[in-house]
Amino acid sequence: MEYRSDLVNALESILVDAYGDAEQYTAFLTVIEDETQVPVSAKLLGTPVTVTGFDFLDDARGVIATCKGPDGVGEVALADLAFLPDTVTAWIHAAYRFHLGLRPFPVKPALTGPGRTEWSLIHRRRRARAAH
């Protein structure tokens, strides 16, 4: 996995000051809500869906997404979705799957400046928030 170090950096940024499972899930929920404009397109087992929101209810389910698909509206595990690979949401999702011990879905770095990915900008914003 060529972007493993980027995922490790993402995890360090997302999980700063998050201790225990509930706090870690809440940290992922906070980041994905902050960085994802809903509704957002995704795929669930290859079927296109529209994600309309995210939530965390308990450790057993982890972060969930409310999705609208061809068969109606329902909640699914965030880990079961796939997002467009060139989006910030895909990076957050890849870090989430990596954290869970699952293989991340492919992502593409979206360059926003010389040698910087969009994720690195989010990383800096998260660190700045944590410092305040």
C-alpha atoms as a PDB file:
ATOM      1  CA  MET A   1       0.000   0.000   0.000  1.00  0.00           C
ATOM      2  CA  GLU A   2       1.837   3.057  -1.277  1.00  0.00           C
ATOM      3  CA  TYR A   3      -0.050   5.576   0.855  1.00  0.00           C
ATOM      4  CA  ARG A   4       0.273   3.758   4.206  1.00  0.00           C
ATOM      5  CA  SER A   5       2.298   6.590   5.771  1.00  0.00           C
ATOM      6  CA  ASP A   6      -0.418   9.060   4.720  1.00  0.00           C
ATOM      7  CA  LEU A   7      -3.016   6.891   6.460  1.00  0.00           C
ATOM      8  CA  VAL A   8      -0.896   6.695   9.601  1.00  0.00           C
ATOM      9  CA  ASN A   9      -0.578  10.506   9.558  1.00  0.00           C
ATOM     10  CA  ALA A  10      -4.339  10.793   9.056  1.00  0.00           C
ATOM     11  CA  LEU A  11      -4.993   8.533  12.027  1.00  0.00           C
ATOM     12  CA  GLU A  12      -2.635  10.524  14.235  1.00  0.00           C
ATOM     13  CA  SER A  13      -4.430  13.728  13.295  1.00  0.00           C
ATOM     14  CA  ILE A  14      -7.960  12.355  13.662  1.00  0.00           C
ATOM     15  CA  LEU A  15      -7.347  10.490  16.903  1.00  0.00           C
ATOM     16  CA  VAL A  16      -5.402  13.201  18.724  1.00  0.00           C
ATOM     17  CA  ASP A  17      -6.628  13.174  22.342  1.00  0.00           C
ATOM     18  CA  ALA A  18      -9.139  10.361  21.640  1.00  0.00           C
ATOM     19  CA  TYR A  19      -8.872   7.603  24.234  1.00  0.00           C
ATOM     20  CA  GLY A  20     -10.968   4.474  24.097  1.00  0.00           C
ATOM     21  CA  ASP A  21     -13.255   3.209  21.369  1.00  0.00           C
ATOM     22  CA  ALA A  22     -16.143   5.634  21.921  1.00  0.00           C
ATOM     23  CA  GLU A  23     -13.874   8.690  21.761  1.00  0.00           C
ATOM     24  CA  GLN A  24     -12.135   7.344  18.649  1.00  0.00           C
ATOM     25  CA  TYR A  25     -15.446   6.732  16.862  1.00  0.00           C
ATOM     26  CA  THR A  26     -16.581  10.215  17.893  1.00  0.00           C
ATOM     27  CA  ALA A  27     -13.350  11.676  16.504  1.00  0.00           C
ATOM     28  CA  PHE A  28     -13.953   9.992  13.140  1.00  0.00           C
ATOM     29  CA  LEU A  29     -17.574  11.166  13.183  1.00  0.00           C
ATOM     30  CA  THR A  30     -16.471  14.751  13.871  1.00  0.00           C
ATOM     31  CA  VAL A  31     -13.938  14.760  11.040  1.00  0.00           C
ATOM     32  CA  ILE A  32     -16.220  13.188   8.452  1.00  0.00           C
ATOM     33  CA  GLU A  33     -19.050  15.571   9.372  1.00  0.00           C
ATOM     34  CA  ASP A  34     -16.703  18.579   9.227  1.00  0.00           C
ATOM     35  CA  GLU A  35     -15.162  17.627   5.887  1.00  0.00           C
ATOM     36  CA  THR A  36     -18.078  16.059   3.988  1.00  0.00           C
ATOM     37  CA  GLN A  37     -20.848  18.084   2.452  1.00  0.00           C
ATOM     38  CA  VAL A  38     -24.014  15.996   2.468  1.00  0.00           C
ATOM     39  CA  PRO A  39     -25.729  14.765   0.491  1.00  0.00           C
ATOM     40  CA  VAL A  40     -22.780  12.903  -0.993  1.00  0.00           C
ATOM     41  CA  SER A  41     -22.676  10.044  -3.495  1.00  0.00           C
ATOM     42  CA  ALA A  42     -21.309   6.669  -2.465  1.00  0.00           C
ATOM     43  CA  LYS A  43     -21.646   2.999  -3.299  1.00  0.00           C
ATOM     44  CA  LEU A  44     -22.904   0.229  -1.072  1.00  0.00           C
ATOM     45  CA  LEU A  45     -21.893  -3.186  -2.383  1.00  0.00           C
ATOM     46  CA  GLY A  46     -21.637  -1.629  -5.846  1.00  0.00           C
ATOM     47  CA  THR A  47     -25.076   0.012  -5.701  1.00  0.00           C
ATOM     48  CA  PRO A  48     -25.161   3.815  -5.926  1.00  0.00           C
ATOM     49  CA  VAL A  49     -26.565   5.500  -2.806  1.00  0.00           C
ATOM     50  CA  THR A  50     -26.792   9.029  -1.466  1.00  0.00           C
ATOM     51  CA  VAL A  51     -25.418   9.583   2.022  1.00  0.00           C
ATOM     52  CA  THR A  52     -27.548  12.123   3.876  1.00  0.00           C
ATOM     53  CA  GLY A  53     -25.886  12.015   7.294  1.00  0.00           C
ATOM     54  CA  PHE A  54     -23.544  10.312   9.738  1.00  0.00           C
ATOM     55  CA  ASP A  55     -23.916   9.240  13.366  1.00  0.00           C
ATOM     56  CA  PHE A  56     -22.356   7.215  16.152  1.00  0.00           C
ATOM     57  CA  LEU A  57     -24.649   5.348  18.528  1.00  0.00           C
ATOM     58  CA  ASP A  58     -22.514   2.627  20.083  1.00  0.00           C
ATOM     59  CA  ASP A  59     -19.195   0.781  19.815  1.00  0.00           C
ATOM     60  CA  ALA A  60     -20.798  -2.319  18.310  1.00  0.00           C
ATOM     61  CA  ARG A  61     -21.916  -0.523  15.131  1.00  0.00           C
ATOM     62  CA  GLY A  62     -19.237   2.143  14.940  1.00  0.00           C
ATOM     63  CA  VAL A  63     -19.861   5.167  12.746  1.00  0.00           C
ATOM     64  CA  ILE A  64     -22.989   4.762  10.646  1.00  0.00           C
ATOM     65  CA  ALA A  65     -24.276   6.563   7.585  1.00  0.00           C
ATOM     66  CA  THR A  66     -27.869   7.270   6.669  1.00  0.00           C
ATOM     67  CA  CYS A  67     -28.280   6.422   3.002  1.00  0.00           C
ATOM     68  CA  LYS A  68     -30.979   6.770   0.398  1.00  0.00           C
ATOM     69  CA  GLY A  69     -30.870   4.090  -2.264  1.00  0.00           C
ATOM     70  CA  PRO A  70     -33.101   2.347  -4.776  1.00  0.00           C
ATOM     71  CA  ASP A  71     -34.839   0.389  -2.006  1.00  0.00           C
ATOM     72  CA  GLY A  72     -35.449   3.302   0.369  1.00  0.00           C
ATOM     73  CA  VAL A  73     -33.636   4.925   3.291  1.00  0.00           C
ATOM     74  CA  GLY A  74     -31.603   3.121   5.924  1.00  0.00           C
ATOM     75  CA  GLU A  75     -28.544   3.131   8.140  1.00  0.00           C
ATOM     76  CA  VAL A  76     -25.396   1.240   7.180  1.00  0.00           C
ATOM     77  CA  ALA A  77     -21.945   0.897   8.671  1.00  0.00           C
ATOM     78  CA  LEU A  78     -19.638   3.610   7.330  1.00  0.00           C
ATOM     79  CA  ALA A  79     -17.004   0.946   6.630  1.00  0.00           C
ATOM     80  CA  ASP A  80     -19.348  -0.732   4.115  1.00  0.00           C
ATOM     81  CA  LEU A  81     -19.532   2.308   1.847  1.00  0.00           C
ATOM     82  CA  ALA A  82     -17.163   3.396  -0.918  1.00  0.00           C
ATOM     83  CA  PHE A  83     -16.678   7.050  -1.878  1.00  0.00           C
ATOM     84  CA  LEU A  84     -15.228   8.643  -5.011  1.00  0.00           C
ATOM     85  CA  PRO A  85     -11.461   8.011  -4.708  1.00  0.00           C
ATOM     86  CA  ASP A  86     -10.350  11.588  -5.375  1.00  0.00           C
ATOM     87  CA  THR A  87     -12.290  13.136  -2.475  1.00  0.00           C
ATOM     88  CA  VAL A  88     -11.396  14.101   1.076  1.00  0.00           C
ATOM     89  CA  THR A  89     -14.235  11.863   2.257  1.00  0.00           C
ATOM     90  CA  ALA A  90     -12.526   8.905   0.568  1.00  0.00           C
ATOM     91  CA  TRP A  91      -9.319   9.695   2.511  1.00  0.00           C
ATOM     92  CA  ILE A  92     -11.173   9.883   5.820  1.00  0.00           C
ATOM     93  CA  HIS A  93     -12.987   6.674   4.938  1.00  0.00           C
ATOM     94  CA  ALA A  94      -9.700   4.954   4.036  1.00  0.00           C
ATOM     95  CA  ALA A  95      -8.226   6.013   7.385  1.00  0.00           C
ATOM     96  CA  TYR A  96     -11.346   4.707   9.153  1.00  0.00           C
ATOM     97  CA  ARG A  97     -11.139   1.301   7.439  1.00  0.00           C
ATOM     98  CA  PHE A  98      -7.388   1.164   8.123  1.00  0.00           C
ATOM     99  CA  HIS A  99      -8.066   1.930  11.801  1.00  0.00           C
ATOM    100  CA  LEU A 100     -10.597  -0.912  11.931  1.00  0.00           C
ATOM    101  CA  GLY A 101      -8.058  -3.336  10.455  1.00  0.00           C
ATOM    102  CA  LEU A 102      -9.881  -3.464   7.113  1.00  0.00           C
ATOM    103  CA  ARG A 103      -8.261  -2.929   3.745  1.00  0.00           C
ATOM    104  CA  PRO A 104      -8.849   0.683   2.669  1.00  0.00           C
ATOM    105  CA  PHE A 105     -10.545   1.265  -0.649  1.00  0.00           C
ATOM    106  CA  PRO A 106      -8.365   3.032  -3.249  1.00  0.00           C
ATOM    107  CA  VAL A 107      -7.892   6.783  -2.905  1.00  0.00           C
ATOM    108  CA  LYS A 108      -6.160   9.333  -5.070  1.00  0.00           C
ATOM    109  CA  PRO A 109      -4.394  12.332  -3.593  1.00  0.00           C
ATOM    110  CA  ALA A 110      -5.974  15.555  -4.779  1.00  0.00           C
ATOM    111  CA  LEU A 111      -3.143  18.035  -5.136  1.00  0.00           C
ATOM    112  CA  THR A 112      -3.959  21.537  -3.962  1.00  0.00           C
ATOM    113  CA  GLY A 113      -0.501  23.060  -4.170  1.00  0.00           C
ATOM    114  CA  PRO A 114       3.153  22.153  -4.735  1.00  0.00           C
ATOM    115  CA  GLY A 115       3.679  18.813  -3.020  1.00  0.00           C
ATOM    116  CA  ARG A 116       0.566  19.117  -0.847  1.00  0.00           C
ATOM    117  CA  THR A 117      -2.499  16.960  -0.857  1.00  0.00           C
ATOM    118  CA  GLU A 118      -5.897  18.094   0.276  1.00  0.00           C
ATOM    119  CA  TRP A 119      -5.488  15.726   3.229  1.00  0.00           C
ATOM    120  CA  SER A 120      -2.391  17.572   4.428  1.00  0.00           C
ATOM    121  CA  LEU A 121      -4.428  20.797   4.584  1.00  0.00           C
ATOM    122  CA  ILE A 122      -7.108  19.081   6.663  1.00  0.00           C
ATOM    123  CA  HIS A 123      -4.372  17.670   8.884  1.00  0.00           C
ATOM    124  CA  ARG A 124      -3.098  21.187   9.565  1.00  0.00           C
ATOM    125  CA  ARG A 125      -6.598  22.514  10.314  1.00  0.00           C
ATOM    126  CA  ARG A 126      -7.250  19.647  12.756  1.00  0.00           C
ATOM    127  CA  ARG A 127      -3.957  20.256  14.562  1.00  0.00           C
ATOM    128  CA  ALA A 128      -4.711  23.963  14.817  1.00  0.00           C
ATOM    129  CA  ARG A 129      -8.145  23.230  16.321  1.00  0.00           C
ATOM    130  CA  ALA A 130      -6.641  20.772  18.804  1.00  0.00           C
ATOM    131  CA  ALA A 131      -4.125  23.406  19.936  1.00  0.00           C
ATOM    132  CA  HIS A 132      -6.898  25.851  20.919  1.00  0.00           C
END
